[in-house]
Amino acid sequence: MPDNIVRAILIAHVQPKDNLEDEFNRWYDDIHIPQVVDRIAGVVSGKRYRYAEEQLVDASGAPPTRYLTMYEIETHDLADTVDRLGAALTDGTLDMSESLDTENQPPILHFYGSVSS
């Protein structure tokens, strides 16, 4: 892979609406992640995780969301990939779901650049 490729990850903390967790999981696994990978240049994979019961600290330190998705990014222009994803979330490029809680616990999205090869 050429040296001018920027490697990064996007961490998305997300939460389903109450009583819609099964619908949320189907949408996220079967629709959302495949669309993000297929439709956003630079996003090469996505993997979901659920908050584990086993922790080093007590549950009072639990994050506000139960679900985390890690997207791997390989791009020549991270700013462009960030902009494309931001637009896709609102312009109809990605099919969104009513099962995603965007009011009580809106998604928290953070990009991290690689510090090692």
PDB file of N, CA and C in Angstrom:
ATOM      1  N   MET A   1       0.853  -1.177   0.000  1.00  0.00           N
ATOM      2  CA  MET A   1       0.000   0.000   0.000  1.00  0.00           C
ATOM      3  C   MET A   1       0.899   1.241   0.000  1.00  0.00           C
ATOM      4  N   PRO A   2       0.572   2.240  -0.833  1.00  0.00           N
ATOM      5  CA  PRO A   2       1.413   3.442  -0.906  1.00  0.00           C
ATOM      6  C   PRO A   2       1.512   4.157   0.438  1.00  0.00           C
ATOM      7  N   ASP A   3       2.642   4.853   0.635  1.00  0.00           N
ATOM      8  CA  ASP A   3       2.891   5.555   1.893  1.00  0.00           C
ATOM      9  C   ASP A   3       1.945   6.721   2.139  1.00  0.00           C
ATOM     10  N   ASN A   4       1.319   7.255   1.096  1.00  0.00           N
ATOM     11  CA  ASN A   4       0.462   8.419   1.283  1.00  0.00           C
ATOM     12  C   ASN A   4      -0.957   8.057   1.727  1.00  0.00           C
ATOM     13  N   ILE A   5      -1.185   6.819   2.074  1.00  0.00           N
ATOM     14  CA  ILE A   5      -2.487   6.386   2.585  1.00  0.00           C
ATOM     15  C   ILE A   5      -2.569   6.731   4.070  1.00  0.00           C
ATOM     16  N   VAL A   6      -3.648   7.387   4.446  1.00  0.00           N
ATOM     17  CA  VAL A   6      -3.910   7.704   5.845  1.00  0.00           C
ATOM     18  C   VAL A   6      -4.762   6.585   6.428  1.00  0.00           C
ATOM     19  N   ARG A   7      -4.326   6.025   7.536  1.00  0.00           N
ATOM     20  CA  ARG A   7      -5.095   4.996   8.235  1.00  0.00           C
ATOM     21  C   ARG A   7      -5.708   5.623   9.479  1.00  0.00           C
ATOM     22  N   ALA A   8      -6.977   5.352   9.670  1.00  0.00           N
ATOM     23  CA  ALA A   8      -7.690   5.926  10.810  1.00  0.00           C
ATOM     24  C   ALA A   8      -8.822   4.985  11.190  1.00  0.00           C
ATOM     25  N   ILE A   9      -9.453   5.286  12.307  1.00  0.00           N
ATOM     26  CA  ILE A   9     -10.676   4.588  12.687  1.00  0.00           C
ATOM     27  C   ILE A   9     -11.720   5.627  13.076  1.00  0.00           C
ATOM     28  N   LEU A  10     -12.942   5.237  12.905  1.00  0.00           N
ATOM     29  CA  LEU A  10     -14.074   6.001  13.420  1.00  0.00           C
ATOM     30  C   LEU A  10     -14.700   5.154  14.510  1.00  0.00           C
ATOM     31  N   ILE A  11     -14.847   5.720  15.689  1.00  0.00           N
ATOM     32  CA  ILE A  11     -15.541   5.055  16.788  1.00  0.00           C
ATOM     33  C   ILE A  11     -16.912   5.707  16.909  1.00  0.00           C
ATOM     34  N   ALA A  12     -17.948   4.900  16.786  1.00  0.00           N
ATOM     35  CA  ALA A  12     -19.324   5.391  16.882  1.00  0.00           C
ATOM     36  C   ALA A  12     -19.994   4.745  18.087  1.00  0.00           C
ATOM     37  N   HIS A  13     -20.334   5.552  19.065  1.00  0.00           N
ATOM     38  CA  HIS A  13     -21.094   5.090  20.233  1.00  0.00           C
ATOM     39  C   HIS A  13     -22.565   5.337  19.917  1.00  0.00           C
ATOM     40  N   VAL A  14     -23.364   4.270  19.904  1.00  0.00           N
ATOM     41  CA  VAL A  14     -24.771   4.400  19.505  1.00  0.00           C
ATOM     42  C   VAL A  14     -25.673   3.638  20.461  1.00  0.00           C
ATOM     43  N   GLN A  15     -26.941   4.009  20.442  1.00  0.00           N
ATOM     44  CA  GLN A  15     -27.919   3.423  21.356  1.00  0.00           C
ATOM     45  C   GLN A  15     -29.243   3.236  20.617  1.00  0.00           C
ATOM     46  N   PRO A  16     -29.890   2.072  20.773  1.00  0.00           N
ATOM     47  CA  PRO A  16     -31.225   1.911  20.190  1.00  0.00           C
ATOM     48  C   PRO A  16     -32.275   2.604  21.046  1.00  0.00           C
ATOM     49  N   LYS A  17     -33.398   2.912  20.421  1.00  0.00           N
ATOM     50  CA  LYS A  17     -34.539   3.404  21.190  1.00  0.00           C
ATOM     51  C   LYS A  17     -35.077   2.261  22.043  1.00  0.00           C
ATOM     52  N   ASP A  18     -35.719   2.612  23.144  1.00  0.00           N
ATOM     53  CA  ASP A  18     -36.326   1.610  24.019  1.00  0.00           C
ATOM     54  C   ASP A  18     -37.266   0.718  23.219  1.00  0.00           C
ATOM     55  N   ASN A  19     -37.214  -0.569  23.485  1.00  0.00           N
ATOM     56  CA  ASN A  19     -38.084  -1.582  22.873  1.00  0.00           C
ATOM     57  C   ASN A  19     -37.858  -1.776  21.379  1.00  0.00           C
ATOM     58  N   LEU A  20     -36.784  -1.229  20.814  1.00  0.00           N
ATOM     59  CA  LEU A  20     -36.502  -1.414  19.388  1.00  0.00           C
ATOM     60  C   LEU A  20     -35.117  -2.017  19.150  1.00  0.00           C
ATOM     61  N   GLU A  21     -34.574  -2.691  20.160  1.00  0.00           N
ATOM     62  CA  GLU A  21     -33.206  -3.195  20.064  1.00  0.00           C
ATOM     63  C   GLU A  21     -33.039  -4.246  18.968  1.00  0.00           C
ATOM     64  N   ASP A  22     -33.998  -5.171  18.824  1.00  0.00           N
ATOM     65  CA  ASP A  22     -33.879  -6.191  17.773  1.00  0.00           C
ATOM     66  C   ASP A  22     -33.889  -5.551  16.389  1.00  0.00           C
ATOM     67  N   GLU A  23     -34.805  -4.614  16.174  1.00  0.00           N
ATOM     68  CA  GLU A  23     -34.871  -3.904  14.891  1.00  0.00           C
ATOM     69  C   GLU A  23     -33.574  -3.127  14.643  1.00  0.00           C
ATOM     70  N   PHE A  24     -33.089  -2.467  15.682  1.00  0.00           N
ATOM     71  CA  PHE A  24     -31.840  -1.710  15.607  1.00  0.00           C
ATOM     72  C   PHE A  24     -30.684  -2.617  15.194  1.00  0.00           C
ATOM     73  N   ASN A  25     -30.550  -3.781  15.825  1.00  0.00           N
ATOM     74  CA  ASN A  25     -29.453  -4.699  15.509  1.00  0.00           C
ATOM     75  C   ASN A  25     -29.546  -5.224  14.084  1.00  0.00           C
ATOM     76  N   ARG A  26     -30.754  -5.552  13.629  1.00  0.00           N
ATOM     77  CA  ARG A  26     -30.919  -6.006  12.234  1.00  0.00           C
ATOM     78  C   ARG A  26     -30.502  -4.902  11.267  1.00  0.00           C
ATOM     79  N   TRP A  27     -31.010  -3.694  11.498  1.00  0.00           N
ATOM     80  CA  TRP A  27     -30.679  -2.575  10.613  1.00  0.00           C
ATOM     81  C   TRP A  27     -29.172  -2.320  10.617  1.00  0.00           C
ATOM     82  N   TYR A  28     -28.561  -2.269  11.775  1.00  0.00           N
ATOM     83  CA  TYR A  28     -27.143  -1.930  11.865  1.00  0.00           C
ATOM     84  C   TYR A  28     -26.276  -2.972  11.163  1.00  0.00           C
ATOM     85  N   ASP A  29     -26.576  -4.267  11.404  1.00  0.00           N
ATOM     86  CA  ASP A  29     -25.774  -5.346  10.813  1.00  0.00           C
ATOM     87  C   ASP A  29     -26.037  -5.542   9.323  1.00  0.00           C
ATOM     88  N   ASP A  30     -27.314  -5.508   8.929  1.00  0.00           N
ATOM     89  CA  ASP A  30     -27.694  -5.882   7.566  1.00  0.00           C
ATOM     90  C   ASP A  30     -27.744  -4.710   6.592  1.00  0.00           C
ATOM     91  N   ILE A  31     -27.927  -3.501   7.094  1.00  0.00           N
ATOM     92  CA  ILE A  31     -28.082  -2.344   6.208  1.00  0.00           C
ATOM     93  C   ILE A  31     -26.991  -1.296   6.443  1.00  0.00           C
ATOM     94  N   HIS A  32     -26.884  -0.804   7.667  1.00  0.00           N
ATOM     95  CA  HIS A  32     -26.032   0.364   7.915  1.00  0.00           C
ATOM     96  C   HIS A  32     -24.548   0.110   7.641  1.00  0.00           C
ATOM     97  N   ILE A  33     -23.964  -0.874   8.299  1.00  0.00           N
ATOM     98  CA  ILE A  33     -22.528  -1.112   8.083  1.00  0.00           C
ATOM     99  C   ILE A  33     -22.228  -1.430   6.621  1.00  0.00           C
ATOM    100  N   PRO A  34     -22.973  -2.340   5.962  1.00  0.00           N
ATOM    101  CA  PRO A  34     -22.675  -2.583   4.547  1.00  0.00           C
ATOM    102  C   PRO A  34     -22.779  -1.322   3.682  1.00  0.00           C
ATOM    103  N   GLN A  35     -23.769  -0.468   3.945  1.00  0.00           N
ATOM    104  CA  GLN A  35     -23.896   0.762   3.164  1.00  0.00           C
ATOM    105  C   GLN A  35     -22.728   1.709   3.416  1.00  0.00           C
ATOM    106  N   VAL A  36     -22.320   1.872   4.657  1.00  0.00           N
ATOM    107  CA  VAL A  36     -21.192   2.762   4.960  1.00  0.00           C
ATOM    108  C   VAL A  36     -19.942   2.283   4.230  1.00  0.00           C
ATOM    109  N   VAL A  37     -19.674   0.984   4.283  1.00  0.00           N
ATOM    110  CA  VAL A  37     -18.477   0.435   3.630  1.00  0.00           C
ATOM    111  C   VAL A  37     -18.577   0.562   2.111  1.00  0.00           C
ATOM    112  N   ASP A  38     -19.755   0.293   1.539  1.00  0.00           N
ATOM    113  CA  ASP A  38     -19.928   0.338   0.085  1.00  0.00           C
ATOM    114  C   ASP A  38     -20.014   1.754  -0.474  1.00  0.00           C
ATOM    115  N   ARG A  39     -20.558   2.690   0.290  1.00  0.00           N
ATOM    116  CA  ARG A  39     -20.896   4.006  -0.267  1.00  0.00           C
ATOM    117  C   ARG A  39     -19.981   5.152   0.160  1.00  0.00           C
ATOM    118  N   ILE A  40     -19.145   4.926   1.159  1.00  0.00           N
ATOM    119  CA  ILE A  40     -18.256   5.997   1.627  1.00  0.00           C
ATOM    120  C   ILE A  40     -16.817   5.624   1.278  1.00  0.00           C
ATOM    121  N   ALA A  41     -16.262   6.320   0.299  1.00  0.00           N
ATOM    122  CA  ALA A  41     -14.893   6.039  -0.135  1.00  0.00           C
ATOM    123  C   ALA A  41     -13.939   6.176   1.045  1.00  0.00           C
ATOM    124  N   GLY A  42     -13.098   5.174   1.220  1.00  0.00           N
ATOM    125  CA  GLY A  42     -12.110   5.181   2.295  1.00  0.00           C
ATOM    126  C   GLY A  42     -12.481   4.317   3.480  1.00  0.00           C
ATOM    127  N   VAL A  43     -13.775   4.043   3.673  1.00  0.00           N
ATOM    128  CA  VAL A  43     -14.190   3.169   4.777  1.00  0.00           C
ATOM    129  C   VAL A  43     -14.081   1.735   4.275  1.00  0.00           C
ATOM    130  N   VAL A  44     -13.224   0.936   4.910  1.00  0.00           N
ATOM    131  CA  VAL A  44     -12.953  -0.412   4.408  1.00  0.00           C
ATOM    132  C   VAL A  44     -13.615  -1.521   5.216  1.00  0.00           C
ATOM    133  N   SER A  45     -14.009  -1.238   6.460  1.00  0.00           N
ATOM    134  CA  SER A  45     -14.685  -2.272   7.246  1.00  0.00           C
ATOM    135  C   SER A  45     -15.371  -1.639   8.450  1.00  0.00           C
ATOM    136  N   GLY A  46     -16.287  -2.397   9.023  1.00  0.00           N
ATOM    137  CA  GLY A  46     -16.966  -1.967  10.239  1.00  0.00           C
ATOM    138  C   GLY A  46     -17.233  -3.175  11.117  1.00  0.00           C
ATOM    139  N   LYS A  47     -17.027  -3.034  12.407  1.00  0.00           N
ATOM    140  CA  LYS A  47     -17.222  -4.126  13.369  1.00  0.00           C
ATOM    141  C   LYS A  47     -17.940  -3.569  14.585  1.00  0.00           C
ATOM    142  N   ARG A  48     -18.977  -4.280  15.034  1.00  0.00           N
ATOM    143  CA  ARG A  48     -19.788  -3.829  16.166  1.00  0.00           C
ATOM    144  C   ARG A  48     -19.411  -4.550  17.448  1.00  0.00           C
ATOM    145  N   TYR A  49     -19.615  -3.834  18.563  1.00  0.00           N
ATOM    146  CA  TYR A  49     -19.368  -4.384  19.891  1.00  0.00           C
ATOM    147  C   TYR A  49     -20.490  -3.942  20.820  1.00  0.00           C
ATOM    148  N   ARG A  50     -20.756  -4.770  21.820  1.00  0.00           N
ATOM    149  CA  ARG A  50     -21.734  -4.428  22.849  1.00  0.00           C
ATOM    150  C   ARG A  50     -21.004  -4.361  24.186  1.00  0.00           C
ATOM    151  N   TYR A  51     -21.387  -3.418  25.027  1.00  0.00           N
ATOM    152  CA  TYR A  51     -20.773  -3.231  26.337  1.00  0.00           C
ATOM    153  C   TYR A  51     -20.829  -4.540  27.119  1.00  0.00           C
ATOM    154  N   ALA A  52     -19.701  -4.970  27.642  1.00  0.00           N
ATOM    155  CA  ALA A  52     -19.602  -6.242  28.363  1.00  0.00           C
ATOM    156  C   ALA A  52     -19.924  -6.052  29.840  1.00  0.00           C
ATOM    157  N   GLU A  53     -20.507  -7.068  30.427  1.00  0.00           N
ATOM    158  CA  GLU A  53     -20.795  -7.054  31.871  1.00  0.00           C
ATOM    159  C   GLU A  53     -19.504  -7.043  32.685  1.00  0.00           C
ATOM    160  N   GLU A  54     -18.466  -7.698  32.183  1.00  0.00           N
ATOM    161  CA  GLU A  54     -17.197  -7.822  32.886  1.00  0.00           C
ATOM    162  C   GLU A  54     -16.374  -6.559  32.659  1.00  0.00           C
ATOM    163  N   GLN A  55     -16.042  -5.853  33.742  1.00  0.00           N
ATOM    164  CA  GLN A  55     -15.296  -4.603  33.642  1.00  0.00           C
ATOM    165  C   GLN A  55     -14.281  -4.515  34.776  1.00  0.00           C
ATOM    166  N   LEU A  56     -13.247  -3.728  34.577  1.00  0.00           N
ATOM    167  CA  LEU A  56     -12.245  -3.500  35.618  1.00  0.00           C
ATOM    168  C   LEU A  56     -12.727  -2.519  36.678  1.00  0.00           C
ATOM    169  N   VAL A  57     -13.697  -1.691  36.321  1.00  0.00           N
ATOM    170  CA  VAL A  57     -14.255  -0.717  37.265  1.00  0.00           C
ATOM    171  C   VAL A  57     -15.738  -1.001  37.440  1.00  0.00           C
ATOM    172  N   ASP A  58     -16.337  -0.458  38.483  1.00  0.00           N
ATOM    173  CA  ASP A  58     -17.753  -0.739  38.726  1.00  0.00           C
ATOM    174  C   ASP A  58     -18.634  -0.102  37.649  1.00  0.00           C
ATOM    175  N   ALA A  59     -19.866  -0.541  37.591  1.00  0.00           N
ATOM    176  CA  ALA A  59     -20.793  -0.137  36.532  1.00  0.00           C
ATOM    177  C   ALA A  59     -21.133   1.348  36.559  1.00  0.00           C
ATOM    178  N   SER A  60     -20.831   2.041  37.636  1.00  0.00           N
ATOM    179  CA  SER A  60     -21.127   3.475  37.672  1.00  0.00           C
ATOM    180  C   SER A  60     -20.299   4.243  36.643  1.00  0.00           C
ATOM    181  N   GLY A  61     -19.238   3.620  36.155  1.00  0.00           N
ATOM    182  CA  GLY A  61     -18.411   4.236  35.122  1.00  0.00           C
ATOM    183  C   GLY A  61     -18.802   3.810  33.721  1.00  0.00           C
ATOM    184  N   ALA A  62     -19.969   3.185  33.569  1.00  0.00           N
ATOM    185  CA  ALA A  62     -20.414   2.683  32.267  1.00  0.00           C
ATOM    186  C   ALA A  62     -20.653   3.837  31.296  1.00  0.00           C
ATOM    187  N   PRO A  63     -20.370   3.605  30.016  1.00  0.00           N
ATOM    188  CA  PRO A  63     -20.639   4.641  29.018  1.00  0.00           C
ATOM    189  C   PRO A  63     -22.148   4.835  28.844  1.00  0.00           C
ATOM    190  N   PRO A  64     -22.550   5.954  28.266  1.00  0.00           N
ATOM    191  CA  PRO A  64     -23.982   6.211  28.095  1.00  0.00           C
ATOM    192  C   PRO A  64     -24.638   5.336  27.027  1.00  0.00           C
ATOM    193  N   THR A  65     -23.836   4.689  26.191  1.00  0.00           N
ATOM    194  CA  THR A  65     -24.383   3.814  25.147  1.00  0.00           C
ATOM    195  C   THR A  65     -23.905   2.386  25.364  1.00  0.00           C
ATOM    196  N   ARG A  66     -24.717   1.430  24.929  1.00  0.00           N
ATOM    197  CA  ARG A  66     -24.352   0.013  25.046  1.00  0.00           C
ATOM    198  C   ARG A  66     -23.561  -0.475  23.839  1.00  0.00           C
ATOM    199  N   TYR A  67     -23.683   0.213  22.714  1.00  0.00           N
ATOM    200  CA  TYR A  67     -23.080  -0.272  21.475  1.00  0.00           C
ATOM    201  C   TYR A  67     -21.982   0.655  20.977  1.00  0.00           C
ATOM    202  N   LEU A  68     -20.963   0.032  20.391  1.00  0.00           N
ATOM    203  CA  LEU A  68     -19.842   0.746  19.801  1.00  0.00           C
ATOM    204  C   LEU A  68     -19.557   0.095  18.459  1.00  0.00           C
ATOM    205  N   THR A  69     -19.317   0.907  17.463  1.00  0.00           N
ATOM    206  CA  THR A  69     -18.895   0.404  16.160  1.00  0.00           C
ATOM    207  C   THR A  69     -17.546   1.011  15.840  1.00  0.00           C
ATOM    208  N   MET A  70     -16.636   0.171  15.336  1.00  0.00           N
ATOM    209  CA  MET A  70     -15.330   0.645  14.907  1.00  0.00           C
ATOM    210  C   MET A  70     -15.225   0.452  13.399  1.00  0.00           C
ATOM    211  N   TYR A  71     -15.092   1.559  12.696  1.00  0.00           N
ATOM    212  CA  TYR A  71     -14.905   1.530  11.246  1.00  0.00           C
ATOM    213  C   TYR A  71     -13.432   1.765  10.948  1.00  0.00           C
ATOM    214  N   GLU A  72     -12.856   0.921  10.086  1.00  0.00           N
ATOM    215  CA  GLU A  72     -11.477   1.118   9.645  1.00  0.00           C
ATOM    216  C   GLU A  72     -11.495   1.956   8.375  1.00  0.00           C
ATOM    217  N   ILE A  73     -10.575   2.910   8.319  1.00  0.00           N
ATOM    218  CA  ILE A  73     -10.509   3.842   7.203  1.00  0.00           C
ATOM    219  C   ILE A  73      -9.104   3.816   6.618  1.00  0.00           C
ATOM    220  N   GLU A  74      -9.037   3.762   5.292  1.00  0.00           N
ATOM    221  CA  GLU A  74      -7.783   3.896   4.552  1.00  0.00           C
ATOM    222  C   GLU A  74      -8.078   4.852   3.410  1.00  0.00           C
ATOM    223  N   THR A  75      -7.468   6.019   3.442  1.00  0.00           N
ATOM    224  CA  THR A  75      -7.822   7.069   2.495  1.00  0.00           C
ATOM    225  C   THR A  75      -6.621   7.956   2.197  1.00  0.00           C
ATOM    226  N   HIS A  76      -6.698   8.671   1.092  1.00  0.00           N
ATOM    227  CA  HIS A  76      -5.676   9.672   0.772  1.00  0.00           C
ATOM    228  C   HIS A  76      -5.996  11.007   1.442  1.00  0.00           C
ATOM    229  N   ASP A  77      -7.263  11.200   1.836  1.00  0.00           N
ATOM    230  CA  ASP A  77      -7.699  12.491   2.375  1.00  0.00           C
ATOM    231  C   ASP A  77      -8.738  12.254   3.469  1.00  0.00           C
ATOM    232  N   LEU A  78      -8.293  12.214   4.727  1.00  0.00           N
ATOM    233  CA  LEU A  78      -9.205  11.931   5.833  1.00  0.00           C
ATOM    234  C   LEU A  78     -10.288  13.001   5.952  1.00  0.00           C
ATOM    235  N   ALA A  79      -9.935  14.259   5.745  1.00  0.00           N
ATOM    236  CA  ALA A  79     -10.939  15.328   5.843  1.00  0.00           C
ATOM    237  C   ALA A  79     -12.063  15.105   4.837  1.00  0.00           C
ATOM    238  N   ASP A  80     -11.714  14.670   3.631  1.00  0.00           N
ATOM    239  CA  ASP A  80     -12.733  14.403   2.613  1.00  0.00           C
ATOM    240  C   ASP A  80     -13.619  13.229   3.022  1.00  0.00           C
ATOM    241  N   THR A  81     -13.027  12.174   3.561  1.00  0.00           N
ATOM    242  CA  THR A  81     -13.809  11.025   4.023  1.00  0.00           C
ATOM    243  C   THR A  81     -14.750  11.438   5.149  1.00  0.00           C
ATOM    244  N   VAL A  82     -14.266  12.243   6.082  1.00  0.00           N
ATOM    245  CA  VAL A  82     -15.103  12.740   7.179  1.00  0.00           C
ATOM    246  C   VAL A  82     -16.264  13.555   6.611  1.00  0.00           C
ATOM    247  N   ASP A  83     -15.973  14.448   5.664  1.00  0.00           N
ATOM    248  CA  ASP A  83     -17.026  15.272   5.056  1.00  0.00           C
ATOM    249  C   ASP A  83     -18.053  14.423   4.316  1.00  0.00           C
ATOM    250  N   ARG A  84     -17.582  13.424   3.565  1.00  0.00           N
ATOM    251  CA  ARG A  84     -18.505  12.553   2.816  1.00  0.00           C
ATOM    252  C   ARG A  84     -19.425  11.784   3.764  1.00  0.00           C
ATOM    253  N   LEU A  85     -18.871  11.279   4.847  1.00  0.00           N
ATOM    254  CA  LEU A  85     -19.697  10.549   5.805  1.00  0.00           C
ATOM    255  C   LEU A  85     -20.700  11.485   6.462  1.00  0.00           C
ATOM    256  N   GLY A  86     -20.259  12.661   6.841  1.00  0.00           N
ATOM    257  CA  GLY A  86     -21.168  13.631   7.445  1.00  0.00           C
ATOM    258  C   GLY A  86     -22.336  13.958   6.535  1.00  0.00           C
ATOM    259  N   ALA A  87     -22.058  14.169   5.261  1.00  0.00           N
ATOM    260  CA  ALA A  87     -23.124  14.456   4.300  1.00  0.00           C
ATOM    261  C   ALA A  87     -24.032  13.245   4.117  1.00  0.00           C
ATOM    262  N   ALA A  88     -23.437  12.063   4.025  1.00  0.00           N
ATOM    263  CA  ALA A  88     -24.213  10.841   3.776  1.00  0.00           C
ATOM    264  C   ALA A  88     -25.205  10.532   4.885  1.00  0.00           C
ATOM    265  N   LEU A  89     -24.898  10.968   6.091  1.00  0.00           N
ATOM    266  CA  LEU A  89     -25.796  10.706   7.216  1.00  0.00           C
ATOM    267  C   LEU A  89     -27.091  11.505   7.120  1.00  0.00           C
ATOM    268  N   THR A  90     -27.098  12.559   6.304  1.00  0.00           N
ATOM    269  CA  THR A  90     -28.296  13.405   6.217  1.00  0.00           C
ATOM    270  C   THR A  90     -28.856  13.574   4.811  1.00  0.00           C
ATOM    271  N   ASP A  91     -28.111  13.193   3.774  1.00  0.00           N
ATOM    272  CA  ASP A  91     -28.570  13.475   2.409  1.00  0.00           C
ATOM    273  C   ASP A  91     -29.252  12.307   1.707  1.00  0.00           C
ATOM    274  N   GLY A  92     -29.496  11.212   2.425  1.00  0.00           N
ATOM    275  CA  GLY A  92     -30.170  10.067   1.822  1.00  0.00           C
ATOM    276  C   GLY A  92     -29.241   9.014   1.252  1.00  0.00           C
ATOM    277  N   THR A  93     -27.934   9.252   1.277  1.00  0.00           N
ATOM    278  CA  THR A  93     -26.982   8.248   0.795  1.00  0.00           C
ATOM    279  C   THR A  93     -27.071   6.979   1.633  1.00  0.00           C
ATOM    280  N   LEU A  94     -27.273   7.147   2.935  1.00  0.00           N
ATOM    281  CA  LEU A  94     -27.389   6.017   3.859  1.00  0.00           C
ATOM    282  C   LEU A  94     -28.823   5.927   4.357  1.00  0.00           C
ATOM    283  N   ASP A  95     -29.368   4.718   4.359  1.00  0.00           N
ATOM    284  CA  ASP A  95     -30.712   4.491   4.888  1.00  0.00           C
ATOM    285  C   ASP A  95     -30.634   4.459   6.407  1.00  0.00           C
ATOM    286  N   MET A  96     -31.257   5.431   7.044  1.00  0.00           N
ATOM    287  CA  MET A  96     -31.248   5.503   8.498  1.00  0.00           C
ATOM    288  C   MET A  96     -32.476   4.778   9.050  1.00  0.00           C
ATOM    289  N   SER A  97     -32.473   4.517  10.352  1.00  0.00           N
ATOM    290  CA  SER A  97     -33.558   3.767  10.984  1.00  0.00           C
ATOM    291  C   SER A  97     -34.141   4.543  12.153  1.00  0.00           C
ATOM    292  N   GLU A  98     -35.443   4.441  12.297  1.00  0.00           N
ATOM    293  CA  GLU A  98     -36.130   5.050  13.442  1.00  0.00           C
ATOM    294  C   GLU A  98     -35.737   4.363  14.753  1.00  0.00           C
ATOM    295  N   SER A  99     -35.116   3.188  14.668  1.00  0.00           N
ATOM    296  CA  SER A  99     -34.720   2.461  15.881  1.00  0.00           C
ATOM    297  C   SER A  99     -33.472   3.049  16.543  1.00  0.00           C
ATOM    298  N   LEU A 100     -32.737   3.896  15.824  1.00  0.00           N
ATOM    299  CA  LEU A 100     -31.550   4.554  16.371  1.00  0.00           C
ATOM    300  C   LEU A 100     -31.987   5.731  17.232  1.00  0.00           C
ATOM    301  N   ASP A 101     -31.531   5.758  18.474  1.00  0.00           N
ATOM    302  CA  ASP A 101     -31.877   6.855  19.375  1.00  0.00           C
ATOM    303  C   ASP A 101     -31.020   8.072  19.032  1.00  0.00           C
ATOM    304  N   THR A 102     -31.651   9.086  18.472  1.00  0.00           N
ATOM    305  CA  THR A 102     -30.937  10.320  18.135  1.00  0.00           C
ATOM    306  C   THR A 102     -31.351  11.479  19.037  1.00  0.00           C
ATOM    307  N   GLU A 103     -32.284  11.222  19.957  1.00  0.00           N
ATOM    308  CA  GLU A 103     -32.774  12.294  20.828  1.00  0.00           C
ATOM    309  C   GLU A 103     -32.286  12.149  22.265  1.00  0.00           C
ATOM    310  N   ASN A 104     -32.597  11.034  22.915  1.00  0.00           N
ATOM    311  CA  ASN A 104     -32.205  10.840  24.314  1.00  0.00           C
ATOM    312  C   ASN A 104     -30.715  10.561  24.463  1.00  0.00           C
ATOM    313  N   GLN A 105     -30.150   9.809  23.510  1.00  0.00           N
ATOM    314  CA  GLN A 105     -28.723   9.499  23.528  1.00  0.00           C
ATOM    315  C   GLN A 105     -28.202   9.542  22.095  1.00  0.00           C
ATOM    316  N   PRO A 106     -27.973  10.747  21.571  1.00  0.00           N
ATOM    317  CA  PRO A 106     -27.490  10.859  20.194  1.00  0.00           C
ATOM    318  C   PRO A 106     -26.154  10.140  20.012  1.00  0.00           C
ATOM    319  N   PRO A 107     -25.901   9.646  18.796  1.00  0.00           N
ATOM    320  CA  PRO A 107     -24.617   9.005  18.522  1.00  0.00           C
ATOM    321  C   PRO A 107     -23.447   9.942  18.834  1.00  0.00           C
ATOM    322  N   ILE A 108     -22.373   9.348  19.319  1.00  0.00           N
ATOM    323  CA  ILE A 108     -21.131  10.074  19.591  1.00  0.00           C
ATOM    324  C   ILE A 108     -20.100   9.514  18.621  1.00  0.00           C
ATOM    325  N   LEU A 109     -19.554  10.361  17.757  1.00  0.00           N
ATOM    326  CA  LEU A 109     -18.643   9.926  16.703  1.00  0.00           C
ATOM    327  C   LEU A 109     -17.285  10.593  16.881  1.00  0.00           C
ATOM    328  N   HIS A 110     -16.219   9.765  16.864  1.00  0.00           N
ATOM    329  CA  HIS A 110     -14.857  10.290  16.986  1.00  0.00           C
ATOM    330  C   HIS A 110     -13.951   9.567  15.995  1.00  0.00           C
ATOM    331  N   PHE A 111     -13.141  10.341  15.283  1.00  0.00           N
ATOM    332  CA  PHE A 111     -12.137   9.791  14.385  1.00  0.00           C
ATOM    333  C   PHE A 111     -10.788   9.811  15.089  1.00  0.00           C
ATOM    334  N   TYR A 112     -10.008   8.746  14.875  1.00  0.00           N
ATOM    335  CA  TYR A 112      -8.664   8.640  15.439  1.00  0.00           C
ATOM    336  C   TYR A 112      -7.705   8.279  14.311  1.00  0.00           C
ATOM    337  N   GLY A 113      -6.615   9.020  14.190  1.00  0.00           N
ATOM    338  CA  GLY A 113      -5.599   8.709  13.202  1.00  0.00           C
ATOM    339  C   GLY A 113      -4.574   7.749  13.768  1.00  0.00           C
ATOM    340  N   SER A 114      -4.019   6.920  12.903  1.00  0.00           N
ATOM    341  CA  SER A 114      -3.013   5.939  13.313  1.00  0.00           C
ATOM    342  C   SER A 114      -1.722   6.647  13.732  1.00  0.00           C
ATOM    343  N   VAL A 115      -1.110   6.161  14.798  1.00  0.00           N
ATOM    344  CA  VAL A 115       0.177   6.706  15.236  1.00  0.00           C
ATOM    345  C   VAL A 115       1.325   5.743  14.957  1.00  0.00           C
ATOM    346  N   SER A 116       1.002   4.567  14.436  1.00  0.00           N
ATOM    347  CA  SER A 116       2.033   3.600  14.070  1.00  0.00           C
ATOM    348  C   SER A 116       1.631   2.937  12.767  1.00  0.00           C
ATOM    349  N   SER A 117       2.608   2.349  12.094  1.00  0.00           N
ATOM    350  CA  SER A 117       2.317   1.727  10.799  1.00  0.00           C
ATOM    351  C   SER A 117       1.774   0.335  10.937  1.00  0.00           C
TER     352      SER A 117
END
